Amino acid sequence: MAKLENYRQIITKILQKHAQHQPSHGEIEALLICDPIADNYLLLDTGWDRTGRVHAVVVHLRIVAEKVWIESDGTEEGIALELLQLGIPKEDIVLGFIRPNRRHLTDFSVA
């Protein structure tokens, strides 16, 4: 359980940092949604810009079977790098946005 709690804290810390970045255009609000019971963590952008309504998933992370799954990553440098820097090993990170039959080509866990 200590491992999972550590992962939850790391994920929350990273997403809180990203939630503080304000887009340079429009009236966009960053919404941080953390559900430690179901282990889903999302950062959403919502609001309006010059093109219309904005409602987008910036980052979606999950913890499944004691591994951090990156389901969606709209950050510039990549959330995986931040997870690694804060101590989550490659073996415990799954790039969920990559097709399962191609995950073995990465340095990360396949599932």
PDB file of N, CA and C in Angstrom:
ATOM      1  N   MET A   1       0.814  -1.206   0.000  1.00  0.00           N
ATOM      2  CA  MET A   1       0.000   0.000   0.000  1.00  0.00           C
ATOM      3  C   MET A   1       0.853   1.264   0.000  1.00  0.00           C
ATOM      4  N   ALA A   2       2.035   1.200   0.598  1.00  0.00           N
ATOM      5  CA  ALA A   2       2.895   2.383   0.637  1.00  0.00           C
ATOM      6  C   ALA A   2       3.300   2.794  -0.780  1.00  0.00           C
ATOM      7  N   LYS A   3       3.548   1.790  -1.626  1.00  0.00           N
ATOM      8  CA  LYS A   3       3.913   2.070  -3.020  1.00  0.00           C
ATOM      9  C   LYS A   3       2.777   2.813  -3.728  1.00  0.00           C
ATOM     10  N   LEU A   4       1.554   2.320  -3.585  1.00  0.00           N
ATOM     11  CA  LEU A   4       0.411   2.953  -4.250  1.00  0.00           C
ATOM     12  C   LEU A   4       0.174   4.364  -3.729  1.00  0.00           C
ATOM     13  N   GLU A   5       0.285   4.543  -2.433  1.00  0.00           N
ATOM     14  CA  GLU A   5       0.087   5.878  -1.860  1.00  0.00           C
ATOM     15  C   GLU A   5       1.161   6.837  -2.371  1.00  0.00           C
ATOM     16  N   ASN A   6       2.377   6.363  -2.489  1.00  0.00           N
ATOM     17  CA  ASN A   6       3.457   7.172  -3.045  1.00  0.00           C
ATOM     18  C   ASN A   6       3.147   7.559  -4.487  1.00  0.00           C
ATOM     19  N   TYR A   7       2.681   6.598  -5.292  1.00  0.00           N
ATOM     20  CA  TYR A   7       2.334   6.880  -6.682  1.00  0.00           C
ATOM     21  C   TYR A   7       1.208   7.906  -6.759  1.00  0.00           C
ATOM     22  N   ARG A   8       0.213   7.776  -5.908  1.00  0.00           N
ATOM     23  CA  ARG A   8      -0.900   8.744  -5.887  1.00  0.00           C
ATOM     24  C   ARG A   8      -0.390  10.156  -5.586  1.00  0.00           C
ATOM     25  N   GLN A   9       0.507  10.248  -4.618  1.00  0.00           N
ATOM     26  CA  GLN A   9       1.053  11.558  -4.251  1.00  0.00           C
ATOM     27  C   GLN A   9       1.880  12.156  -5.380  1.00  0.00           C
ATOM     28  N   ILE A  10       2.678  11.340  -6.037  1.00  0.00           N
ATOM     29  CA  ILE A  10       3.495  11.821  -7.157  1.00  0.00           C
ATOM     30  C   ILE A  10       2.607  12.311  -8.297  1.00  0.00           C
ATOM     31  N   ILE A  11       1.596  11.523  -8.646  1.00  0.00           N
ATOM     32  CA  ILE A  11       0.685  11.905  -9.730  1.00  0.00           C
ATOM     33  C   ILE A  11      -0.017  13.218  -9.392  1.00  0.00           C
ATOM     34  N   THR A  12      -0.529  13.326  -8.188  1.00  0.00           N
ATOM     35  CA  THR A  12      -1.243  14.540  -7.775  1.00  0.00           C
ATOM     36  C   THR A  12      -0.318  15.747  -7.825  1.00  0.00           C
ATOM     37  N   LYS A  13       0.902  15.589  -7.355  1.00  0.00           N
ATOM     38  CA  LYS A  13       1.878  16.690  -7.370  1.00  0.00           C
ATOM     39  C   LYS A  13       2.139  17.168  -8.799  1.00  0.00           C
ATOM     40  N   ILE A  14       2.360  16.236  -9.703  1.00  0.00           N
ATOM     41  CA  ILE A  14       2.628  16.594 -11.099  1.00  0.00           C
ATOM     42  C   ILE A  14       1.430  17.321 -11.713  1.00  0.00           C
ATOM     43  N   LEU A  15       0.234  16.782 -11.512  1.00  0.00           N
ATOM     44  CA  LEU A  15      -0.947  17.395 -12.118  1.00  0.00           C
ATOM     45  C   LEU A  15      -1.267  18.744 -11.494  1.00  0.00           C
ATOM     46  N   GLN A  16      -1.014  18.912 -10.205  1.00  0.00           N
ATOM     47  CA  GLN A  16      -1.220  20.218  -9.572  1.00  0.00           C
ATOM     48  C   GLN A  16      -0.305  21.260 -10.206  1.00  0.00           C
ATOM     49  N   LYS A  17       0.926  20.866 -10.499  1.00  0.00           N
ATOM     50  CA  LYS A  17       1.866  21.786 -11.148  1.00  0.00           C
ATOM     51  C   LYS A  17       1.355  22.189 -12.533  1.00  0.00           C
ATOM     52  N   HIS A  18       0.880  21.214 -13.302  1.00  0.00           N
ATOM     53  CA  HIS A  18       0.381  21.509 -14.644  1.00  0.00           C
ATOM     54  C   HIS A  18      -0.910  22.325 -14.601  1.00  0.00           C
ATOM     55  N   ALA A  19      -1.718  22.134 -13.584  1.00  0.00           N
ATOM     56  CA  ALA A  19      -2.980  22.868 -13.468  1.00  0.00           C
ATOM     57  C   ALA A  19      -2.753  24.364 -13.241  1.00  0.00           C
ATOM     58  N   GLN A  20      -1.574  24.735 -12.785  1.00  0.00           N
ATOM     59  CA  GLN A  20      -1.271  26.147 -12.536  1.00  0.00           C
ATOM     60  C   GLN A  20      -0.937  26.907 -13.813  1.00  0.00           C
ATOM     61  N   HIS A  21      -0.621  26.189 -14.896  1.00  0.00           N
ATOM     62  CA  HIS A  21      -0.298  26.850 -16.160  1.00  0.00           C
ATOM     63  C   HIS A  21      -1.577  27.321 -16.832  1.00  0.00           C
ATOM     64  N   GLN A  22      -1.638  28.590 -17.119  1.00  0.00           N
ATOM     65  CA  GLN A  22      -2.808  29.181 -17.747  1.00  0.00           C
ATOM     66  C   GLN A  22      -2.541  29.356 -19.244  1.00  0.00           C
ATOM     67  N   PRO A  23      -3.422  28.851 -20.108  1.00  0.00           N
ATOM     68  CA  PRO A  23      -3.242  29.073 -21.549  1.00  0.00           C
ATOM     69  C   PRO A  23      -3.177  30.564 -21.874  1.00  0.00           C
ATOM     70  N   SER A  24      -2.421  30.898 -22.894  1.00  0.00           N
ATOM     71  CA  SER A  24      -2.216  32.303 -23.250  1.00  0.00           C
ATOM     72  C   SER A  24      -3.389  32.900 -24.018  1.00  0.00           C
ATOM     73  N   HIS A  25      -4.370  32.096 -24.364  1.00  0.00           N
ATOM     74  CA  HIS A  25      -5.510  32.587 -25.135  1.00  0.00           C
ATOM     75  C   HIS A  25      -6.815  32.113 -24.497  1.00  0.00           C
ATOM     76  N   GLY A  26      -7.846  32.894 -24.661  1.00  0.00           N
ATOM     77  CA  GLY A  26      -9.177  32.492 -24.219  1.00  0.00           C
ATOM     78  C   GLY A  26      -9.371  32.521 -22.720  1.00  0.00           C
ATOM     79  N   GLU A  27     -10.557  32.154 -22.336  1.00  0.00           N
ATOM     80  CA  GLU A  27     -10.942  32.052 -20.925  1.00  0.00           C
ATOM     81  C   GLU A  27     -10.989  30.570 -20.580  1.00  0.00           C
ATOM     82  N   ILE A  28      -9.825  30.013 -20.320  1.00  0.00           N
ATOM     83  CA  ILE A  28      -9.695  28.575 -20.101  1.00  0.00           C
ATOM     84  C   ILE A  28      -9.364  28.313 -18.631  1.00  0.00           C
ATOM     85  N   GLU A  29     -10.084  27.373 -18.046  1.00  0.00           N
ATOM     86  CA  GLU A  29      -9.842  26.970 -16.663  1.00  0.00           C
ATOM     87  C   GLU A  29      -9.318  25.534 -16.660  1.00  0.00           C
ATOM     88  N   ALA A  30      -8.276  25.314 -15.887  1.00  0.00           N
ATOM     89  CA  ALA A  30      -7.738  23.958 -15.728  1.00  0.00           C
ATOM     90  C   ALA A  30      -8.445  23.300 -14.552  1.00  0.00           C
ATOM     91  N   LEU A  31      -9.026  22.139 -14.794  1.00  0.00           N
ATOM     92  CA  LEU A  31      -9.721  21.397 -13.750  1.00  0.00           C
ATOM     93  C   LEU A  31      -8.929  20.145 -13.418  1.00  0.00           C
ATOM     94  N   LEU A  32      -8.571  20.000 -12.156  1.00  0.00           N
ATOM     95  CA  LEU A  32      -7.857  18.821 -11.691  1.00  0.00           C
ATOM     96  C   LEU A  32      -8.855  17.897 -11.020  1.00  0.00           C
ATOM     97  N   ILE A  33      -8.921  16.667 -11.499  1.00  0.00           N
ATOM     98  CA  ILE A  33      -9.844  15.676 -10.947  1.00  0.00           C
ATOM     99  C   ILE A  33      -9.021  14.483 -10.480  1.00  0.00           C
ATOM    100  N   CYS A  34      -9.039  14.257  -9.167  1.00  0.00           N
ATOM    101  CA  CYS A  34      -8.287  13.155  -8.570  1.00  0.00           C
ATOM    102  C   CYS A  34      -9.265  12.234  -7.857  1.00  0.00           C
ATOM    103  N   ASP A  35      -9.301  10.991  -8.282  1.00  0.00           N
ATOM    104  CA  ASP A  35     -10.159   9.986  -7.658  1.00  0.00           C
ATOM    105  C   ASP A  35      -9.269   8.848  -7.154  1.00  0.00           C
ATOM    106  N   PRO A  36      -8.795   8.950  -5.897  1.00  0.00           N
ATOM    107  CA  PRO A  36      -7.903   7.920  -5.371  1.00  0.00           C
ATOM    108  C   PRO A  36      -8.593   6.583  -5.093  1.00  0.00           C
ATOM    109  N   ILE A  37      -9.914   6.558  -5.092  1.00  0.00           N
ATOM    110  CA  ILE A  37     -10.626   5.297  -4.874  1.00  0.00           C
ATOM    111  C   ILE A  37     -10.588   4.456  -6.150  1.00  0.00           C
ATOM    112  N   ALA A  38     -10.919   5.077  -7.282  1.00  0.00           N
ATOM    113  CA  ALA A  38     -10.865   4.375  -8.571  1.00  0.00           C
ATOM    114  C   ALA A  38      -9.500   4.540  -9.247  1.00  0.00           C
ATOM    115  N   ASP A  39      -8.632   5.343  -8.642  1.00  0.00           N
ATOM    116  CA  ASP A  39      -7.293   5.621  -9.161  1.00  0.00           C
ATOM    117  C   ASP A  39      -7.304   6.162 -10.585  1.00  0.00           C
ATOM    118  N   ASN A  40      -8.128   7.184 -10.795  1.00  0.00           N
ATOM    119  CA  ASN A  40      -8.149   7.944 -12.037  1.00  0.00           C
ATOM    120  C   ASN A  40      -7.775   9.382 -11.722  1.00  0.00           C
ATOM    121  N   TYR A  41      -6.906   9.951 -12.549  1.00  0.00           N
ATOM    122  CA  TYR A  41      -6.401  11.300 -12.320  1.00  0.00           C
ATOM    123  C   TYR A  41      -6.414  12.034 -13.658  1.00  0.00           C
ATOM    124  N   LEU A  42      -7.164  13.139 -13.702  1.00  0.00           N
ATOM    125  CA  LEU A  42      -7.323  13.866 -14.959  1.00  0.00           C
ATOM    126  C   LEU A  42      -7.038  15.346 -14.780  1.00  0.00           C
ATOM    127  N   LEU A  43      -6.506  15.940 -15.823  1.00  0.00           N
ATOM    128  CA  LEU A  43      -6.393  17.377 -15.924  1.00  0.00           C
ATOM    129  C   LEU A  43      -7.156  17.767 -17.179  1.00  0.00           C
ATOM    130  N   LEU A  44      -8.194  18.573 -16.996  1.00  0.00           N
ATOM    131  CA  LEU A  44      -9.041  19.002 -18.106  1.00  0.00           C
ATOM    132  C   LEU A  44      -8.909  20.495 -18.309  1.00  0.00           C
ATOM    133  N   ASP A  45      -8.978  20.941 -19.548  1.00  0.00           N
ATOM    134  CA  ASP A  45      -9.125  22.351 -19.877  1.00  0.00           C
ATOM    135  C   ASP A  45     -10.569  22.570 -20.280  1.00  0.00           C
ATOM    136  N   THR A  46     -11.194  23.585 -19.691  1.00  0.00           N
ATOM    137  CA  THR A  46     -12.577  23.892 -20.036  1.00  0.00           C
ATOM    138  C   THR A  46     -12.770  25.398 -20.091  1.00  0.00           C
ATOM    139  N   GLY A  47     -13.636  25.844 -20.985  1.00  0.00           N
ATOM    140  CA  GLY A  47     -13.898  27.272 -21.139  1.00  0.00           C
ATOM    141  C   GLY A  47     -14.157  27.627 -22.588  1.00  0.00           C
ATOM    142  N   TRP A  48     -13.717  28.828 -22.949  1.00  0.00           N
ATOM    143  CA  TRP A  48     -13.948  29.343 -24.296  1.00  0.00           C
ATOM    144  C   TRP A  48     -12.696  30.009 -24.831  1.00  0.00           C
ATOM    145  N   ASP A  49     -12.464  29.851 -26.131  1.00  0.00           N
ATOM    146  CA  ASP A  49     -11.438  30.619 -26.820  1.00  0.00           C
ATOM    147  C   ASP A  49     -12.032  31.174 -28.106  1.00  0.00           C
ATOM    148  N   ARG A  50     -11.224  31.760 -28.959  1.00  0.00           N
ATOM    149  CA  ARG A  50     -11.753  32.428 -30.152  1.00  0.00           C
ATOM    150  C   ARG A  50     -12.421  31.458 -31.126  1.00  0.00           C
ATOM    151  N   THR A  51     -12.113  30.163 -31.040  1.00  0.00           N
ATOM    152  CA  THR A  51     -12.719  29.194 -31.949  1.00  0.00           C
ATOM    153  C   THR A  51     -13.999  28.584 -31.389  1.00  0.00           C
ATOM    154  N   GLY A  52     -14.258  28.779 -30.104  1.00  0.00           N
ATOM    155  CA  GLY A  52     -15.469  28.230 -29.506  1.00  0.00           C
ATOM    156  C   GLY A  52     -15.212  27.554 -28.171  1.00  0.00           C
ATOM    157  N   ARG A  53     -16.032  26.583 -27.877  1.00  0.00           N
ATOM    158  CA  ARG A  53     -15.976  25.866 -26.600  1.00  0.00           C
ATOM    159  C   ARG A  53     -14.732  24.992 -26.510  1.00  0.00           C
ATOM    160  N   VAL A  54     -14.122  25.019 -25.347  1.00  0.00           N
ATOM    161  CA  VAL A  54     -12.961  24.183 -25.075  1.00  0.00           C
ATOM    162  C   VAL A  54     -13.333  23.223 -23.954  1.00  0.00           C
ATOM    163  N   HIS A  55     -13.184  21.952 -24.206  1.00  0.00           N
ATOM    164  CA  HIS A  55     -13.366  20.917 -23.186  1.00  0.00           C
ATOM    165  C   HIS A  55     -12.473  19.767 -23.602  1.00  0.00           C
ATOM    166  N   ALA A  56     -11.273  19.736 -23.032  1.00  0.00           N
ATOM    167  CA  ALA A  56     -10.270  18.790 -23.517  1.00  0.00           C
ATOM    168  C   ALA A  56      -9.524  18.132 -22.369  1.00  0.00           C
ATOM    169  N   VAL A  57      -9.226  16.864 -22.545  1.00  0.00           N
ATOM    170  CA  VAL A  57      -8.386  16.146 -21.596  1.00  0.00           C
ATOM    171  C   VAL A  57      -6.930  16.487 -21.906  1.00  0.00           C
ATOM    172  N   VAL A  58      -6.252  17.084 -20.951  1.00  0.00           N
ATOM    173  CA  VAL A  58      -4.835  17.395 -21.112  1.00  0.00           C
ATOM    174  C   VAL A  58      -4.010  16.175 -20.716  1.00  0.00           C
ATOM    175  N   VAL A  59      -4.336  15.600 -19.566  1.00  0.00           N
ATOM    176  CA  VAL A  59      -3.640  14.416 -19.071  1.00  0.00           C
ATOM    177  C   VAL A  59      -4.649  13.490 -18.405  1.00  0.00           C
ATOM    178  N   HIS A  60      -4.521  12.197 -18.659  1.00  0.00           N
ATOM    179  CA  HIS A  60      -5.315  11.189 -17.946  1.00  0.00           C
ATOM    180  C   HIS A  60      -4.362  10.074 -17.530  1.00  0.00           C
ATOM    181  N   LEU A  61      -4.236   9.894 -16.222  1.00  0.00           N
ATOM    182  CA  LEU A  61      -3.419   8.833 -15.658  1.00  0.00           C
ATOM    183  C   LEU A  61      -4.301   7.919 -14.832  1.00  0.00           C
ATOM    184  N   ARG A  62      -3.959   6.626 -14.800  1.00  0.00           N
ATOM    185  CA  ARG A  62      -4.658   5.652 -13.957  1.00  0.00           C
ATOM    186  C   ARG A  62      -3.624   4.782 -13.276  1.00  0.00           C
ATOM    187  N   ILE A  63      -4.006   4.257 -12.141  1.00  0.00           N
ATOM    188  CA  ILE A  63      -3.184   3.226 -11.512  1.00  0.00           C
ATOM    189  C   ILE A  63      -3.958   1.924 -11.649  1.00  0.00           C
ATOM    190  N   VAL A  64      -3.336   0.959 -12.333  1.00  0.00           N
ATOM    191  CA  VAL A  64      -3.939  -0.351 -12.567  1.00  0.00           C
ATOM    192  C   VAL A  64      -2.885  -1.401 -12.236  1.00  0.00           C
ATOM    193  N   ALA A  65      -3.229  -2.330 -11.368  1.00  0.00           N
ATOM    194  CA  ALA A  65      -2.318  -3.418 -10.999  1.00  0.00           C
ATOM    195  C   ALA A  65      -0.945  -2.886 -10.573  1.00  0.00           C
ATOM    196  N   GLU A  66      -0.967  -1.824  -9.765  1.00  0.00           N
ATOM    197  CA  GLU A  66       0.242  -1.207  -9.203  1.00  0.00           C
ATOM    198  C   GLU A  66       1.167  -0.583 -10.248  1.00  0.00           C
ATOM    199  N   LYS A  67       0.607  -0.256 -11.404  1.00  0.00           N
ATOM    200  CA  LYS A  67       1.368   0.449 -12.435  1.00  0.00           C
ATOM    201  C   LYS A  67       0.625   1.714 -12.832  1.00  0.00           C
ATOM    202  N   VAL A  68       1.384   2.731 -13.213  1.00  0.00           N
ATOM    203  CA  VAL A  68       0.799   3.987 -13.670  1.00  0.00           C
ATOM    204  C   VAL A  68       0.603   3.903 -15.176  1.00  0.00           C
ATOM    205  N   TRP A  69      -0.649   3.993 -15.583  1.00  0.00           N
ATOM    206  CA  TRP A  69      -1.003   3.980 -17.005  1.00  0.00           C
ATOM    207  C   TRP A  69      -1.187   5.411 -17.479  1.00  0.00           C
ATOM    208  N   ILE A  70      -0.467   5.798 -18.512  1.00  0.00           N
ATOM    209  CA  ILE A  70      -0.654   7.097 -19.147  1.00  0.00           C
ATOM    210  C   ILE A  70      -1.635   6.888 -20.289  1.00  0.00           C
ATOM    211  N   GLU A  71      -2.875   7.278 -20.071  1.00  0.00           N
ATOM    212  CA  GLU A  71      -3.924   7.079 -21.071  1.00  0.00           C
ATOM    213  C   GLU A  71      -3.932   8.193 -22.112  1.00  0.00           C
ATOM    214  N   SER A  72      -3.602   9.406 -21.669  1.00  0.00           N
ATOM    215  CA  SER A  72      -3.572  10.552 -22.565  1.00  0.00           C
ATOM    216  C   SER A  72      -2.547  11.533 -22.018  1.00  0.00           C
ATOM    217  N   ASP A  73      -1.734  12.094 -22.908  1.00  0.00           N
ATOM    218  CA  ASP A  73      -0.690  13.023 -22.478  1.00  0.00           C
ATOM    219  C   ASP A  73      -0.592  14.172 -23.465  1.00  0.00           C
ATOM    220  N   GLY A  74      -1.118  15.306 -23.082  1.00  0.00           N
ATOM    221  CA  GLY A  74      -1.066  16.494 -23.924  1.00  0.00           C
ATOM    222  C   GLY A  74      -0.044  17.509 -23.454  1.00  0.00           C
ATOM    223  N   THR A  75       0.938  17.069 -22.663  1.00  0.00           N
ATOM    224  CA  THR A  75       1.970  17.984 -22.189  1.00  0.00           C
ATOM    225  C   THR A  75       3.082  18.092 -23.225  1.00  0.00           C
ATOM    226  N   GLU A  76       3.849  19.146 -23.138  1.00  0.00           N
ATOM    227  CA  GLU A  76       4.906  19.368 -24.122  1.00  0.00           C
ATOM    228  C   GLU A  76       6.063  18.387 -23.980  1.00  0.00           C
ATOM    229  N   GLU A  77       6.520  18.166 -22.756  1.00  0.00           N
ATOM    230  CA  GLU A  77       7.701  17.338 -22.562  1.00  0.00           C
ATOM    231  C   GLU A  77       7.381  15.883 -22.256  1.00  0.00           C
ATOM    232  N   GLY A  78       6.164  15.598 -21.908  1.00  0.00           N
ATOM    233  CA  GLY A  78       5.769  14.231 -21.620  1.00  0.00           C
ATOM    234  C   GLY A  78       5.715  13.938 -20.131  1.00  0.00           C
ATOM    235  N   ILE A  79       4.594  13.439 -19.709  1.00  0.00           N
ATOM    236  CA  ILE A  79       4.357  13.142 -18.303  1.00  0.00           C
ATOM    237  C   ILE A  79       5.236  11.988 -17.837  1.00  0.00           C
ATOM    238  N   ALA A  80       5.594  11.056 -18.724  1.00  0.00           N
ATOM    239  CA  ALA A  80       6.432   9.908 -18.352  1.00  0.00           C
ATOM    240  C   ALA A  80       7.770  10.375 -17.781  1.00  0.00           C
ATOM    241  N   LEU A  81       8.356  11.386 -18.376  1.00  0.00           N
ATOM    242  CA  LEU A  81       9.628  11.917 -17.895  1.00  0.00           C
ATOM    243  C   LEU A  81       9.493  12.438 -16.470  1.00  0.00           C
ATOM    244  N   GLU A  82       8.406  13.135 -16.199  1.00  0.00           N
ATOM    245  CA  GLU A  82       8.178  13.662 -14.850  1.00  0.00           C
ATOM    246  C   GLU A  82       7.967  12.534 -13.841  1.00  0.00           C
ATOM    247  N   LEU A  83       7.241  11.504 -14.246  1.00  0.00           N
ATOM    248  CA  LEU A  83       7.042  10.354 -13.362  1.00  0.00           C
ATOM    249  C   LEU A  83       8.385   9.708 -13.022  1.00  0.00           C
ATOM    250  N   LEU A  84       9.237   9.559 -14.018  1.00  0.00           N
ATOM    251  CA  LEU A  84      10.567   8.978 -13.804  1.00  0.00           C
ATOM    252  C   LEU A  84      11.398   9.847 -12.865  1.00  0.00           C
ATOM    253  N   GLN A  85      11.375  11.154 -13.084  1.00  0.00           N
ATOM    254  CA  GLN A  85      12.163  12.067 -12.265  1.00  0.00           C
ATOM    255  C   GLN A  85      11.745  12.042 -10.800  1.00  0.00           C
ATOM    256  N   LEU A  86      10.477  11.719 -10.550  1.00  0.00           N
ATOM    257  CA  LEU A  86       9.995  11.682  -9.170  1.00  0.00           C
ATOM    258  C   LEU A  86      10.010  10.276  -8.572  1.00  0.00           C
ATOM    259  N   GLY A  87      10.643   9.333  -9.269  1.00  0.00           N
ATOM    260  CA  GLY A  87      10.918   8.055  -8.658  1.00  0.00           C
ATOM    261  C   GLY A  87      10.088   6.864  -9.087  1.00  0.00           C
ATOM    262  N   ILE A  88       9.205   7.027 -10.050  1.00  0.00           N
ATOM    263  CA  ILE A  88       8.449   5.867 -10.526  1.00  0.00           C
ATOM    264  C   ILE A  88       9.284   5.177 -11.607  1.00  0.00           C
ATOM    265  N   PRO A  89       9.620   3.898 -11.409  1.00  0.00           N
ATOM    266  CA  PRO A  89      10.489   3.205 -12.376  1.00  0.00           C
ATOM    267  C   PRO A  89       9.773   2.908 -13.698  1.00  0.00           C
ATOM    268  N   LYS A  90      10.549   2.785 -14.754  1.00  0.00           N
ATOM    269  CA  LYS A  90      10.012   2.480 -16.092  1.00  0.00           C
ATOM    270  C   LYS A  90       9.139   1.231 -16.090  1.00  0.00           C
ATOM    271  N   GLU A  91       9.513   0.263 -15.258  1.00  0.00           N
ATOM    272  CA  GLU A  91       8.778  -0.998 -15.201  1.00  0.00           C
ATOM    273  C   GLU A  91       7.357  -0.809 -14.662  1.00  0.00           C
ATOM    274  N   ASP A  92       7.107   0.318 -14.013  1.00  0.00           N
ATOM    275  CA  ASP A  92       5.787   0.592 -13.436  1.00  0.00           C
ATOM    276  C   ASP A  92       5.022   1.666 -14.204  1.00  0.00           C
ATOM    277  N   ILE A  93       5.480   1.990 -15.398  1.00  0.00           N
ATOM    278  CA  ILE A  93       4.798   2.980 -16.243  1.00  0.00           C
ATOM    279  C   ILE A  93       4.391   2.292 -17.536  1.00  0.00           C
ATOM    280  N   VAL A  94       3.107   2.424 -17.884  1.00  0.00           N
ATOM    281  CA  VAL A  94       2.577   1.859 -19.125  1.00  0.00           C
ATOM    282  C   VAL A  94       2.105   3.012 -20.003  1.00  0.00           C
ATOM    283  N   LEU A  95       2.568   3.049 -21.232  1.00  0.00           N
ATOM    284  CA  LEU A  95       2.110   4.057 -22.189  1.00  0.00           C
ATOM    285  C   LEU A  95       0.829   3.540 -22.831  1.00  0.00           C
ATOM    286  N   GLY A  96      -0.276   3.774 -22.153  1.00  0.00           N
ATOM    287  CA  GLY A  96      -1.559   3.243 -22.573  1.00  0.00           C
ATOM    288  C   GLY A  96      -2.048   3.774 -23.904  1.00  0.00           C
ATOM    289  N   PHE A  97      -1.511   4.906 -24.345  1.00  0.00           N
ATOM    290  CA  PHE A  97      -1.921   5.504 -25.618  1.00  0.00           C
ATOM    291  C   PHE A  97      -1.218   4.860 -26.815  1.00  0.00           C
ATOM    292  N   ILE A  98      -0.284   3.951 -26.540  1.00  0.00           N
ATOM    293  CA  ILE A  98       0.401   3.219 -27.617  1.00  0.00           C
ATOM    294  C   ILE A  98      -0.269   1.862 -27.779  1.00  0.00           C
ATOM    295  N   ARG A  99      -0.450   1.440 -29.016  1.00  0.00           N
ATOM    296  CA  ARG A  99      -1.079   0.142 -29.278  1.00  0.00           C
ATOM    297  C   ARG A  99      -0.371  -0.966 -28.492  1.00  0.00           C
ATOM    298  N   PRO A 100      -1.153  -1.876 -27.908  1.00  0.00           N
ATOM    299  CA  PRO A 100      -0.550  -2.953 -27.107  1.00  0.00           C
ATOM    300  C   PRO A 100       0.526  -3.747 -27.841  1.00  0.00           C
ATOM    301  N   ASN A 101       0.335  -3.996 -29.130  1.00  0.00           N
ATOM    302  CA  ASN A 101       1.323  -4.797 -29.866  1.00  0.00           C
ATOM    303  C   ASN A 101       2.594  -4.019 -30.212  1.00  0.00           C
ATOM    304  N   ARG A 102       2.650  -2.736 -29.862  1.00  0.00           N
ATOM    305  CA  ARG A 102       3.842  -1.924 -30.126  1.00  0.00           C
ATOM    306  C   ARG A 102       4.537  -1.451 -28.844  1.00  0.00           C
ATOM    307  N   ARG A 103       3.931  -1.697 -27.700  1.00  0.00           N
ATOM    308  CA  ARG A 103       4.510  -1.231 -26.435  1.00  0.00           C
ATOM    309  C   ARG A 103       5.866  -1.854 -26.150  1.00  0.00           C
ATOM    310  N   HIS A 104       6.110  -3.038 -26.660  1.00  0.00           N
ATOM    311  CA  HIS A 104       7.404  -3.683 -26.422  1.00  0.00           C
ATOM    312  C   HIS A 104       8.551  -2.901 -27.074  1.00  0.00           C
ATOM    313  N   LEU A 105       8.231  -1.995 -27.984  1.00  0.00           N
ATOM    314  CA  LEU A 105       9.244  -1.180 -28.655  1.00  0.00           C
ATOM    315  C   LEU A 105       9.700   0.004 -27.802  1.00  0.00           C
ATOM    316  N   THR A 106       8.991   0.245 -26.684  1.00  0.00           N
ATOM    317  CA  THR A 106       9.347   1.349 -25.786  1.00  0.00           C
ATOM    318  C   THR A 106      10.218   0.822 -24.654  1.00  0.00           C
ATOM    319  N   ASP A 107      10.725   1.726 -23.851  1.00  0.00           N
ATOM    320  CA  ASP A 107      11.506   1.344 -22.676  1.00  0.00           C
ATOM    321  C   ASP A 107      10.624   1.115 -21.450  1.00  0.00           C
ATOM    322  N   PHE A 108       9.319   1.195 -21.639  1.00  0.00           N
ATOM    323  CA  PHE A 108       8.391   1.116 -20.516  1.00  0.00           C
ATOM    324  C   PHE A 108       7.692  -0.238 -20.480  1.00  0.00           C
ATOM    325  N   SER A 109       6.879  -0.427 -19.441  1.00  0.00           N
ATOM    326  CA  SER A 109       6.161  -1.683 -19.276  1.00  0.00           C
ATOM    327  C   SER A 109       5.149  -1.870 -20.407  1.00  0.00           C
ATOM    328  N   VAL A 110       4.881  -3.127 -20.760  1.00  0.00           N
ATOM    329  CA  VAL A 110       3.901  -3.393 -21.812  1.00  0.00           C
ATOM    330  C   VAL A 110       2.491  -3.491 -21.233  1.00  0.00           C
ATOM    331  N   ALA A 111       2.358  -3.759 -19.956  1.00  0.00           N
ATOM    332  CA  ALA A 111       1.061  -3.790 -19.258  1.00  0.00           C
ATOM    333  C   ALA A 111       1.251  -4.204 -17.822  1.00  0.00           C
TER     334      ALA A 111
END
